[in-house]
Amino acid sequence: MKHIFKNVLTAAILCFSLNSCKDLDTVPYVGEVSELVYKDPANYKLILAKMYAGLAASGLKNGDNDVDLKGYDGGSQSYMRAYWYLQEFTTDELVCRWNDPGVPDLHAMNWTASNSFTAAFYSRILFQVAVSNEFLRETTDAKLSSRGVTNSQDIKNYRAEARFLRALAYAHAIDLYGNVPLITENEQVGATLPKQATRAELFAYVESELLALDSELPAPKTNEYGRADKAVAWMTLAKLYLNAEVYIGQKKYTEAAATAKKVIDAGYTLASNYKTNFLADNNTSKEIIFSINFDGNETQTYGVTTLAINGSIGGAMNPADYGTEQKWAGFRTTKQLVNLFDDKADKRALFYTNGQQIEIDEFSTFENGYAVTKFSNLTSAGVKGKNAQFADTDFPLYRLADAYLTYAEAVTRGGSGDNTLALNLVNQLRTRAGAGNLSNLTLNDLLNERGRELFWEGHRRTDLIRFGKFTSSYNWAWKGGVKEGKDVEAFRTLFPLASGDIIANPTLKQNTGY
């Protein structure tokens, strides 16, 4: 059911915001937080829910109030919103007319170490790691025994999920920042300055964690909706392997293909209608492997799906057509993405063109550039979501379509696998979209197909880097700050470590170029 875990998540946020659950308000709060919370095993699922909530919301209260990270705007610091900004604003898939400090620099590709969005996501990653580590410290056999708590299978599952969420955060750190501090539950908080790990060390750590979790997480499709299982870990590992040549200079395409095949064989099926993966009832899709859950009433956040829906409505568009009353008039796309849809029958070309021009002569005019209508707060039956301001639509972090494309690319790049199957998987996606079949696969075909299938889902920056087209060899409108686009410095494939962290921890070495 869609909202079971969402309701637990809401309770967790309430528990944390009150600094107590059940009878815990009768015990002093200062200096005793862990003992107060962890003495009652009924709280453990609430704490796990808070870890998942960290992917969706910025803080402890609805409307992104009482934020986790002080010093950053509550509306824009949530994990997936910050991630989406960095993965999309820096590419051909999205331009934004807002002039919030730091936003124009992302598309112009001239950000610095003081950019609020690169810093916010860096801090989010470390926050997710810290919360996961604390849960793991407080649920060891010794800790449970000292409290008289039985180490149940549920608690073991919660620990596995906490390890996965930490691995996911570090996988994103590898991709976006390269070399960051590696901190586990074995380090004592505040004892020493966190030690920076190399990209290769982080890769080895995340790989080992995901492999170990194969025997600890629930089987595919057996956990509650929105929670991690084996297939979610496999998908994370497959993407780690697919990008290994970028991350550590080693080709791991055979491993990527084999791991993606495990996901493909896990029982997921393509939704018959592509669009249903991005609607207010997309929890019913049999294609989504892992989602970041949102509910217009229960998780009221300006996070990624509310942002993607409301932010892309402007000009002559009617907000009611997308299940909202909001019209933020921010986002459009470039002609380079539009032109990927060379097959005019392709139903994935979800653009609003009435009153819009394809050329972006200036950022400040919403009508410059086509609007994107991929995400909506309407259900598949055309019913509006629960709330006209906040979306019910979940964000599909992993879909089966991505597993298909991962397998196909890994095999095309030389990994062991079935070339006929690879082509067939890609053509299944094209058939669903109403586009004609391909007769063979090239790497350029696969990059373009990923653009058509996965645009606005937080993959594009990583894809362009892997294909050698992020900083040079391919330009799009306003890349580098000029209308026709231009090449930028090669060091832009990594974002800077947050300048505040560099100041606080002088043992850290900033990434090249910043």
Protein backbone atom coordinates (compact mmCIF):
# COMPACT_ATOMS: atom_id res chain seq x y z
CA MET A 1 0.00 0.00 0.00
CA LYS A 2 1.24 3.42 -0.97
CA HIS A 3 1.16 5.27 2.31
CA ILE A 4 1.97 2.70 5.02
CA PHE A 5 5.64 3.60 5.19
CA LYS A 6 4.87 7.25 4.50
CA ASN A 7 2.74 7.34 7.64
CA VAL A 8 5.58 5.79 9.65
CA LEU A 9 7.90 8.39 8.15
CA THR A 10 5.55 11.16 9.27
CA ALA A 11 5.50 9.73 12.78
CA ALA A 12 9.27 9.66 12.78
CA ILE A 13 9.47 13.31 11.82
CA LEU A 14 6.99 14.16 14.56
CA CYS A 15 8.96 12.11 17.07
CA PHE A 16 12.20 13.85 16.20
CA SER A 17 10.60 17.31 16.19
CA LEU A 18 9.26 16.79 19.70
CA ASN A 19 12.54 15.19 20.86
CA SER A 20 10.44 12.45 22.39
CA CYS A 21 8.19 9.52 21.63
CA LYS A 22 5.57 7.95 23.89
CA ASP A 23 6.74 8.54 27.48
CA LEU A 24 10.18 9.87 26.55
CA ASP A 25 9.24 13.46 27.35
CA THR A 26 9.43 12.55 31.05
CA VAL A 27 13.19 12.06 30.81
CA PRO A 28 15.63 14.98 30.44
CA TYR A 29 16.56 15.59 26.80
CA VAL A 30 19.97 17.23 26.99
CA GLY A 31 22.85 14.77 26.66
CA GLU A 32 20.65 11.69 26.65
CA VAL A 33 19.15 11.61 23.18
CA SER A 34 20.42 8.18 22.10
CA GLU A 35 19.61 6.45 25.39
CA LEU A 36 16.16 7.97 25.45
CA VAL A 37 15.26 6.99 21.92
CA TYR A 38 16.96 3.62 21.65
CA LYS A 39 15.77 2.15 24.94
CA ASP A 40 12.37 1.55 23.32
CA PRO A 41 12.61 -0.87 20.35
CA ALA A 42 9.31 0.51 19.05
CA ASN A 43 11.24 3.63 18.04
CA TYR A 44 13.69 1.81 15.77
CA LYS A 45 11.44 1.82 12.74
CA LEU A 46 10.75 5.51 13.32
CA ILE A 47 14.48 6.20 13.25
CA LEU A 48 14.83 4.17 10.05
CA ALA A 49 11.99 6.22 8.58
CA LYS A 50 13.88 9.38 9.43
CA MET A 51 16.80 8.08 7.36
CA TYR A 52 14.50 7.62 4.38
CA ALA A 53 12.89 10.98 5.13
CA GLY A 54 16.32 12.54 4.72
CA LEU A 55 16.13 11.67 1.02
CA ALA A 56 12.83 13.49 0.59
CA ALA A 57 12.49 16.37 3.05
CA SER A 58 14.77 19.06 4.42
CA GLY A 59 13.81 18.95 8.07
CA LEU A 60 11.55 17.87 10.85
CA LYS A 61 8.37 19.75 10.05
CA ASN A 62 6.12 20.11 7.03
CA GLY A 63 6.99 22.86 4.59
CA ASP A 64 10.72 22.17 5.03
CA ASN A 65 10.81 23.89 8.39
CA ASP A 66 13.15 23.14 11.32
CA VAL A 67 15.79 22.03 8.84
CA ASP A 68 18.46 19.40 9.40
CA LEU A 69 21.22 21.58 7.96
CA LYS A 70 21.50 25.06 9.37
CA GLY A 71 22.72 27.76 7.01
CA TYR A 72 20.97 26.43 3.90
CA ASP A 73 17.51 27.36 2.58
CA GLY A 74 14.99 24.79 3.76
CA GLY A 75 13.17 24.57 0.45
CA SER A 76 16.24 23.70 -1.59
CA GLN A 77 18.45 21.64 0.72
CA SER A 78 16.60 18.32 0.61
CA TYR A 79 18.75 15.43 -0.62
CA MET A 80 16.95 14.62 -3.87
CA ARG A 81 16.27 18.25 -4.77
CA ALA A 82 19.93 19.18 -4.37
CA TYR A 83 20.98 16.02 -6.24
CA TRP A 84 18.54 16.78 -9.06
CA TYR A 85 19.85 20.34 -9.38
CA LEU A 86 23.41 19.12 -9.81
CA GLN A 87 22.53 16.29 -12.18
CA GLU A 88 20.13 18.28 -14.37
CA PHE A 89 20.92 22.01 -14.23
CA THR A 90 24.46 21.31 -15.46
CA THR A 91 23.26 19.55 -18.65
CA ASP A 92 21.26 19.88 -21.86
CA GLU A 93 18.09 18.68 -20.12
CA LEU A 94 17.14 21.72 -18.08
CA VAL A 95 17.52 25.48 -17.86
CA CYS A 96 16.13 27.59 -15.03
CA ARG A 97 15.11 31.25 -15.20
CA TRP A 98 15.43 31.82 -11.44
CA ASN A 99 18.31 33.92 -10.19
CA ASP A 100 18.66 32.37 -6.74
CA PRO A 101 22.33 32.64 -5.74
CA GLY A 102 24.19 29.71 -7.23
CA VAL A 103 21.52 28.63 -9.74
CA PRO A 104 22.76 30.51 -12.85
CA ASP A 105 26.28 29.24 -12.22
CA LEU A 106 25.23 25.61 -12.61
CA HIS A 107 24.05 25.85 -16.20
CA ALA A 108 26.85 28.29 -17.07
CA MET A 109 29.24 25.74 -15.56
CA ASN A 110 31.26 28.31 -13.64
CA TRP A 111 30.43 27.30 -10.07
CA THR A 112 32.92 27.75 -7.24
CA ALA A 113 33.51 26.03 -3.91
CA SER A 114 31.11 28.53 -2.36
CA ASN A 115 28.15 27.51 -4.52
CA SER A 116 25.26 26.89 -2.13
CA PHE A 117 23.88 23.91 -4.07
CA THR A 118 27.14 22.00 -4.44
CA ALA A 119 27.81 22.66 -0.75
CA ALA A 120 24.28 21.69 0.33
CA PHE A 121 24.42 18.30 -1.36
CA TYR A 122 27.91 17.60 -0.04
CA SER A 123 26.58 18.35 3.46
CA ARG A 124 23.47 16.23 2.84
CA ILE A 125 25.63 13.25 1.97
CA LEU A 126 27.62 13.55 5.19
CA PHE A 127 24.40 14.07 7.19
CA GLN A 128 22.89 10.86 5.77
CA VAL A 129 26.11 9.02 6.61
CA ALA A 130 26.11 10.40 10.17
CA VAL A 131 22.50 9.38 10.85
CA SER A 132 23.11 5.89 9.46
CA ASN A 133 26.30 5.50 11.49
CA GLU A 134 24.57 6.49 14.71
CA PHE A 135 21.80 3.95 14.13
CA LEU A 136 24.38 1.24 13.50
CA ARG A 137 26.34 2.18 16.67
CA GLU A 138 23.21 2.01 18.79
CA THR A 139 21.88 -1.32 17.48
CA THR A 140 24.88 -3.59 17.95
CA ASP A 141 24.35 -6.86 19.81
CA ALA A 142 26.11 -5.39 22.83
CA LYS A 143 23.98 -2.25 22.88
CA LEU A 144 20.76 -4.19 22.45
CA SER A 145 21.72 -6.62 25.19
CA SER A 146 22.56 -3.81 27.60
CA ARG A 147 19.03 -2.45 27.12
CA GLY A 148 17.35 -5.84 27.32
CA VAL A 149 16.24 -5.59 23.68
CA THR A 150 15.96 -8.78 21.64
CA ASN A 151 17.85 -8.61 18.35
CA SER A 152 14.86 -9.40 16.17
CA GLN A 153 14.84 -10.03 12.44
CA ASP A 154 13.19 -6.63 12.02
CA ILE A 155 16.13 -4.88 13.69
CA LYS A 156 18.56 -6.87 11.55
CA ASN A 157 16.65 -5.71 8.46
CA TYR A 158 16.72 -2.12 9.69
CA ARG A 159 20.50 -2.32 10.13
CA ALA A 160 20.90 -3.66 6.59
CA GLU A 161 18.80 -0.80 5.24
CA ALA A 162 20.83 1.74 7.20
CA ARG A 163 23.98 0.30 5.64
CA PHE A 164 22.39 0.53 2.21
CA LEU A 165 21.39 4.17 2.68
CA ARG A 166 24.95 4.96 3.76
CA ALA A 167 26.32 3.12 0.70
CA LEU A 168 23.93 5.02 -1.56
CA ALA A 169 25.13 8.34 -0.13
CA TYR A 170 28.76 7.34 -0.66
CA ALA A 171 27.98 6.15 -4.21
CA HIS A 172 26.68 9.64 -4.93
CA ALA A 173 29.76 11.12 -3.25
CA ILE A 174 32.04 9.09 -5.53
CA ASP A 175 30.16 10.32 -8.57
CA LEU A 176 29.86 14.01 -7.74
CA TYR A 177 32.83 14.81 -5.46
CA GLY A 178 35.35 12.02 -5.91
CA ASN A 179 37.37 12.18 -2.69
CA VAL A 180 35.44 12.73 0.54
CA PRO A 181 35.86 11.69 4.18
CA LEU A 182 35.03 8.02 4.79
CA ILE A 183 33.36 7.62 8.16
CA THR A 184 31.74 4.46 9.52
CA GLU A 185 30.10 3.47 12.78
CA ASN A 186 33.52 2.31 14.00
CA GLU A 187 34.81 5.88 14.35
CA GLN A 188 34.14 7.67 17.62
CA VAL A 189 32.24 10.89 17.02
CA GLY A 190 34.45 13.94 17.41
CA ALA A 191 37.55 11.99 18.42
CA THR A 192 39.61 12.96 15.38
CA LEU A 193 39.19 14.93 12.18
CA PRO A 194 37.58 12.73 9.51
CA LYS A 195 40.14 11.31 7.11
CA GLN A 196 39.69 11.92 3.41
CA ALA A 197 39.47 8.79 1.26
CA THR A 198 40.46 8.49 -2.38
CA ARG A 199 37.88 7.74 -5.02
CA ALA A 200 39.33 4.24 -5.36
CA GLU A 201 39.08 3.62 -1.60
CA LEU A 202 35.49 4.81 -1.56
CA PHE A 203 34.68 2.63 -4.58
CA ALA A 204 36.09 -0.45 -2.87
CA TYR A 205 34.17 0.34 0.31
CA VAL A 206 30.81 0.86 -1.41
CA GLU A 207 31.30 -2.23 -3.56
CA SER A 208 32.08 -4.36 -0.51
CA GLU A 209 29.07 -3.01 1.40
CA LEU A 210 26.65 -3.66 -1.46
CA LEU A 211 28.03 -7.18 -2.01
CA ALA A 212 27.72 -7.94 1.70
CA LEU A 213 24.14 -6.67 1.78
CA ASP A 214 23.14 -9.28 -0.79
CA SER A 215 22.77 -11.76 2.07
CA GLU A 216 21.12 -9.30 4.48
CA LEU A 217 18.50 -7.28 2.62
CA PRO A 218 15.05 -8.73 1.90
CA ALA A 219 14.43 -10.44 -1.43
CA PRO A 220 13.32 -8.27 -4.35
CA LYS A 221 9.77 -6.88 -4.05
CA THR A 222 9.26 -8.23 -0.51
CA ASN A 223 9.97 -5.09 1.51
CA GLU A 224 7.52 -2.25 2.08
CA TYR A 225 7.09 0.16 -0.80
CA GLY A 226 9.84 2.76 -0.80
CA ARG A 227 12.27 0.66 1.25
CA ALA A 228 15.44 -1.02 0.03
CA ASP A 229 15.73 -4.68 -0.91
CA LYS A 230 18.27 -6.81 -2.77
CA ALA A 231 17.26 -5.45 -6.18
CA VAL A 232 17.80 -1.87 -5.02
CA ALA A 233 21.33 -2.79 -3.88
CA TRP A 234 21.95 -4.62 -7.17
CA MET A 235 20.88 -1.56 -9.14
CA THR A 236 23.20 0.68 -7.14
CA LEU A 237 26.05 -1.78 -7.68
CA ALA A 238 25.34 -2.11 -11.42
CA LYS A 239 25.56 1.65 -11.83
CA LEU A 240 28.76 1.74 -9.77
CA TYR A 241 30.30 -0.85 -12.09
CA LEU A 242 29.01 0.91 -15.23
CA ASN A 243 30.89 4.05 -14.21
CA ALA A 244 34.00 2.31 -12.85
CA GLU A 245 36.16 3.37 -15.79
CA VAL A 246 35.42 7.01 -14.90
CA TYR A 247 35.74 6.53 -11.16
CA ILE A 248 38.81 4.30 -10.85
CA GLY A 249 40.13 3.79 -14.39
CA GLN A 250 39.06 0.13 -14.50
CA LYS A 251 36.54 -1.44 -16.87
CA LYS A 252 33.92 -3.41 -15.01
CA TYR A 253 31.37 -3.78 -17.77
CA THR A 254 31.06 -7.55 -17.36
CA GLU A 255 30.19 -7.02 -13.70
CA ALA A 256 27.76 -4.23 -14.66
CA ALA A 257 25.98 -6.46 -17.16
CA ALA A 258 25.76 -9.42 -14.78
CA THR A 259 24.41 -7.30 -11.94
CA ALA A 260 21.90 -5.49 -14.15
CA LYS A 261 20.72 -8.89 -15.41
CA LYS A 262 19.92 -9.89 -11.83
CA VAL A 263 17.65 -6.86 -11.59
CA ILE A 264 16.05 -7.65 -14.95
CA ASP A 265 15.30 -11.19 -13.78
CA ALA A 266 13.89 -10.11 -10.40
CA GLY A 267 10.24 -9.93 -11.49
CA TYR A 268 9.74 -6.28 -12.41
CA THR A 269 7.84 -5.47 -15.61
CA LEU A 270 7.66 -2.40 -17.82
CA ALA A 271 4.61 -0.24 -17.28
CA SER A 272 2.44 -0.44 -20.38
CA ASN A 273 2.24 3.36 -20.46
CA TYR A 274 5.53 5.23 -19.98
CA LYS A 275 3.76 8.26 -18.48
CA THR A 276 2.32 6.32 -15.53
CA ASN A 277 5.79 6.17 -13.98
CA PHE A 278 5.58 9.90 -13.25
CA LEU A 279 2.01 10.43 -12.01
CA ALA A 280 0.51 10.87 -8.55
CA ASP A 281 -0.27 7.14 -8.31
CA ASN A 282 3.02 5.92 -9.75
CA ASN A 283 3.32 3.66 -6.71
CA THR A 284 1.20 1.23 -8.74
CA SER A 285 3.85 0.95 -11.45
CA LYS A 286 5.44 -2.51 -11.65
CA GLU A 287 8.51 -0.91 -13.20
CA ILE A 288 9.78 1.21 -10.32
CA ILE A 289 12.53 -0.54 -8.36
CA PHE A 290 13.21 2.17 -5.78
CA SER A 291 11.31 5.39 -5.19
CA ILE A 292 11.69 8.44 -2.99
CA ASN A 293 8.20 8.73 -1.54
CA PHE A 294 6.08 11.87 -1.39
CA ASP A 295 2.56 12.56 -0.13
CA GLY A 296 0.86 15.92 -0.55
CA ASN A 297 -0.53 15.86 2.97
CA GLU A 298 1.89 13.69 4.93
CA THR A 299 5.27 14.79 3.50
CA GLN A 300 4.83 18.42 2.59
CA THR A 301 8.15 19.43 1.10
CA TYR A 302 9.37 21.58 -1.76
CA GLY A 303 11.47 18.61 -2.71
CA VAL A 304 12.07 17.08 -6.08
CA THR A 305 8.66 16.11 -7.52
CA THR A 306 6.79 19.17 -6.21
CA LEU A 307 9.69 21.17 -7.63
CA ALA A 308 9.69 19.41 -11.01
CA ILE A 309 5.92 19.80 -11.44
CA ASN A 310 5.34 23.33 -10.16
CA GLY A 311 8.64 24.66 -11.45
CA SER A 312 7.92 23.63 -15.03
CA ILE A 313 4.51 25.33 -15.28
CA GLY A 314 4.43 28.83 -16.75
CA GLY A 315 3.42 30.82 -19.80
CA ALA A 316 0.06 29.67 -21.22
CA MET A 317 0.07 26.45 -19.18
CA ASN A 318 -2.88 25.71 -16.89
CA PRO A 319 -1.71 24.35 -13.51
CA ALA A 320 -4.94 22.36 -13.08
CA ASP A 321 -3.91 20.23 -16.08
CA TYR A 322 -1.09 18.91 -13.88
CA GLY A 323 -3.00 18.55 -10.60
CA THR A 324 -1.70 21.70 -8.93
CA GLU A 325 -2.55 25.34 -8.33
CA GLN A 326 1.09 26.40 -8.50
CA LYS A 327 2.77 28.15 -11.45
CA TRP A 328 6.42 28.80 -10.65
CA ALA A 329 7.52 29.39 -14.26
CA GLY A 330 11.09 28.26 -13.81
CA PHE A 331 12.17 25.26 -15.90
CA ARG A 332 12.41 24.58 -19.61
CA THR A 333 14.64 22.40 -21.73
CA THR A 334 17.09 23.00 -24.56
CA LYS A 335 16.57 22.27 -28.23
CA GLN A 336 19.33 19.67 -27.96
CA LEU A 337 17.13 17.46 -25.77
CA VAL A 338 14.07 18.10 -27.94
CA ASN A 339 16.03 17.13 -31.05
CA LEU A 340 16.92 13.75 -29.57
CA PHE A 341 13.35 12.74 -30.36
CA ASP A 342 14.04 12.26 -34.05
CA ASP A 343 11.22 9.73 -34.31
CA LYS A 344 8.14 11.95 -34.24
CA ALA A 345 5.99 9.05 -33.03
CA ASP A 346 7.96 8.80 -29.78
CA LYS A 347 5.47 9.29 -26.92
CA ARG A 348 8.25 10.13 -24.46
CA ALA A 349 8.59 13.60 -26.01
CA LEU A 350 6.60 15.20 -23.18
CA PHE A 351 6.95 18.88 -24.02
CA TYR A 352 4.60 21.86 -23.89
CA THR A 353 5.09 23.99 -26.99
CA ASN A 354 2.05 26.30 -27.17
CA GLY A 355 3.41 29.85 -26.94
CA GLN A 356 6.93 28.51 -26.39
CA GLN A 357 9.87 28.86 -28.78
CA ILE A 358 12.53 26.20 -29.00
CA GLU A 359 15.38 28.72 -28.95
CA ILE A 360 16.47 30.17 -25.63
CA ASP A 361 17.41 33.73 -26.43
CA GLU A 362 17.37 34.70 -22.79
CA PHE A 363 16.99 32.86 -19.50
CA SER A 364 14.57 35.31 -17.90
CA THR A 365 11.73 34.63 -20.36
CA PHE A 366 9.82 31.44 -19.58
CA GLU A 367 8.53 31.19 -23.14
CA ASN A 368 12.12 30.70 -24.35
CA GLY A 369 12.56 26.94 -24.50
CA TYR A 370 9.98 24.14 -24.45
CA ALA A 371 8.39 23.30 -21.09
CA VAL A 372 8.57 19.72 -19.83
CA THR A 373 5.37 17.88 -18.80
CA LYS A 374 6.90 14.57 -17.72
CA PHE A 375 5.90 14.76 -14.04
CA SER A 376 2.32 15.46 -12.92
CA ASN A 377 0.24 15.53 -9.74
CA LEU A 378 -2.66 13.87 -11.55
CA THR A 379 -3.30 10.14 -11.20
CA SER A 380 -3.56 7.76 -14.14
CA ALA A 381 -7.32 8.28 -13.92
CA GLY A 382 -6.91 12.04 -14.21
CA VAL A 383 -7.72 12.71 -10.54
CA LYS A 384 -5.84 15.49 -8.77
CA GLY A 385 -3.45 14.65 -5.97
CA LYS A 386 -4.47 15.26 -2.38
CA ASN A 387 -2.90 18.69 -2.15
CA ALA A 388 -2.82 21.51 -4.70
CA GLN A 389 0.57 22.74 -3.46
CA PHE A 390 2.54 19.59 -2.65
CA ALA A 391 2.76 16.57 -4.96
CA ASP A 392 1.79 12.97 -4.24
CA THR A 393 4.11 11.86 -7.04
CA ASP A 394 7.02 9.66 -5.96
CA PHE A 395 10.44 10.12 -7.53
CA PRO A 396 11.61 6.94 -9.34
CA LEU A 397 15.29 6.79 -8.49
CA TYR A 398 15.60 3.38 -10.18
CA ARG A 399 13.37 1.96 -12.89
CA LEU A 400 13.54 -1.31 -14.83
CA ALA A 401 14.12 0.73 -17.99
CA ASP A 402 17.41 1.92 -16.52
CA ALA A 403 18.41 -1.69 -15.81
CA TYR A 404 17.66 -2.54 -19.47
CA LEU A 405 19.81 0.35 -20.69
CA THR A 406 22.58 -0.43 -18.20
CA TYR A 407 22.78 -4.02 -19.43
CA ALA A 408 22.71 -2.95 -23.07
CA GLU A 409 25.46 -0.36 -22.60
CA ALA A 410 27.68 -2.65 -20.56
CA VAL A 411 27.51 -5.35 -23.24
CA THR A 412 28.03 -2.84 -26.06
CA ARG A 413 31.13 -1.54 -24.24
CA GLY A 414 32.60 -5.05 -24.28
CA GLY A 415 31.20 -6.66 -21.16
CA SER A 416 30.25 -10.34 -21.32
CA GLY A 417 26.60 -10.80 -22.17
CA ASP A 418 24.08 -11.35 -24.93
CA ASN A 419 24.20 -8.74 -27.70
CA THR A 420 20.87 -9.91 -29.11
CA LEU A 421 19.24 -9.50 -25.71
CA ALA A 422 20.80 -6.05 -25.34
CA LEU A 423 19.24 -4.88 -28.60
CA ASN A 424 15.91 -6.48 -27.72
CA LEU A 425 15.79 -4.71 -24.34
CA VAL A 426 16.36 -1.31 -25.94
CA ASN A 427 13.75 -2.02 -28.60
CA GLN A 428 11.23 -2.98 -25.90
CA LEU A 429 11.55 0.57 -24.57
CA ARG A 430 11.21 2.03 -28.03
CA THR A 431 8.18 -0.13 -28.82
CA ARG A 432 6.45 1.04 -25.67
CA ALA A 433 7.17 4.63 -26.72
CA GLY A 434 5.77 4.07 -30.23
CA ALA A 435 9.19 4.59 -31.84
CA GLY A 436 10.70 2.36 -34.49
CA ASN A 437 13.12 -0.42 -33.64
CA LEU A 438 16.89 -0.09 -33.95
CA SER A 439 18.74 -2.66 -36.07
CA ASN A 440 21.95 -2.46 -34.04
CA LEU A 441 23.41 -0.63 -31.06
CA THR A 442 26.15 1.97 -30.99
CA LEU A 443 27.32 3.92 -27.96
CA ASN A 444 25.86 7.09 -29.46
CA ASP A 445 22.50 5.30 -29.84
CA LEU A 446 22.62 4.35 -26.19
CA LEU A 447 23.45 7.83 -24.93
CA ASN A 448 20.59 9.25 -26.97
CA GLU A 449 18.23 6.51 -25.81
CA ARG A 450 19.10 7.22 -22.19
CA GLY A 451 18.32 10.87 -22.86
CA ARG A 452 14.94 10.02 -24.35
CA GLU A 453 13.98 7.45 -21.72
CA LEU A 454 15.44 8.93 -18.53
CA PHE A 455 15.46 12.72 -18.96
CA TRP A 456 14.75 14.70 -15.78
CA GLU A 457 15.31 11.58 -13.63
CA GLY A 458 18.71 12.66 -12.32
CA HIS A 459 21.02 10.68 -14.63
CA ARG A 460 22.16 13.07 -17.36
CA ARG A 461 25.32 14.60 -15.88
CA THR A 462 26.69 11.15 -14.97
CA ASP A 463 25.80 9.82 -18.43
CA LEU A 464 27.44 12.70 -20.30
CA ILE A 465 30.62 12.28 -18.26
CA ARG A 466 30.75 8.53 -18.92
CA PHE A 467 30.35 9.16 -22.66
CA GLY A 468 33.01 11.90 -22.66
CA LYS A 469 30.56 14.66 -23.61
CA PHE A 470 30.10 16.69 -20.44
CA THR A 471 32.86 19.28 -20.57
CA SER A 472 33.80 18.99 -24.27
CA SER A 473 32.91 17.25 -27.55
CA TYR A 474 29.23 18.23 -27.20
CA ASN A 475 27.67 21.61 -26.50
CA TRP A 476 24.15 22.77 -25.76
CA ALA A 477 22.33 26.07 -25.35
CA TRP A 478 24.03 28.32 -22.81
CA LYS A 479 26.59 25.75 -21.72
CA GLY A 480 29.53 27.78 -20.51
CA GLY A 481 27.40 30.93 -20.39
CA VAL A 482 27.07 31.54 -24.13
CA LYS A 483 23.98 30.96 -26.24
CA GLU A 484 25.52 28.48 -28.66
CA GLY A 485 27.34 26.67 -25.86
CA LYS A 486 31.06 26.10 -25.46
CA ASP A 487 33.56 23.67 -23.98
CA VAL A 488 34.46 24.17 -20.33
CA GLU A 489 37.35 23.09 -18.10
CA ALA A 490 37.86 19.34 -17.72
CA PHE A 491 37.91 19.59 -13.92
CA ARG A 492 34.15 20.35 -13.97
CA THR A 493 33.46 16.62 -14.01
CA LEU A 494 33.79 16.85 -10.21
CA PHE A 495 32.18 19.37 -7.90
CA PRO A 496 34.22 21.05 -5.16
CA LEU A 497 34.15 19.93 -1.56
CA ALA A 498 32.17 22.42 0.51
CA SER A 499 34.42 25.36 1.39
CA GLY A 500 33.07 25.32 4.95
CA ASP A 501 34.23 21.74 5.40
CA ILE A 502 37.69 22.61 4.06
CA ILE A 503 37.95 25.36 6.67
CA ALA A 504 36.68 23.11 9.47
CA ASN A 505 38.92 20.20 8.50
CA PRO A 506 42.30 21.43 7.18
CA THR A 507 43.39 17.84 6.48
CA LEU A 508 41.06 17.77 3.47
CA LYS A 509 42.43 18.46 -0.01
CA GLN A 510 40.18 20.40 -2.35
CA ASN A 511 39.41 18.98 -5.79
CA THR A 512 41.50 20.26 -8.69
CA GLY A 513 40.44 23.60 -10.11
CA TYR A 514 38.69 25.02 -7.03
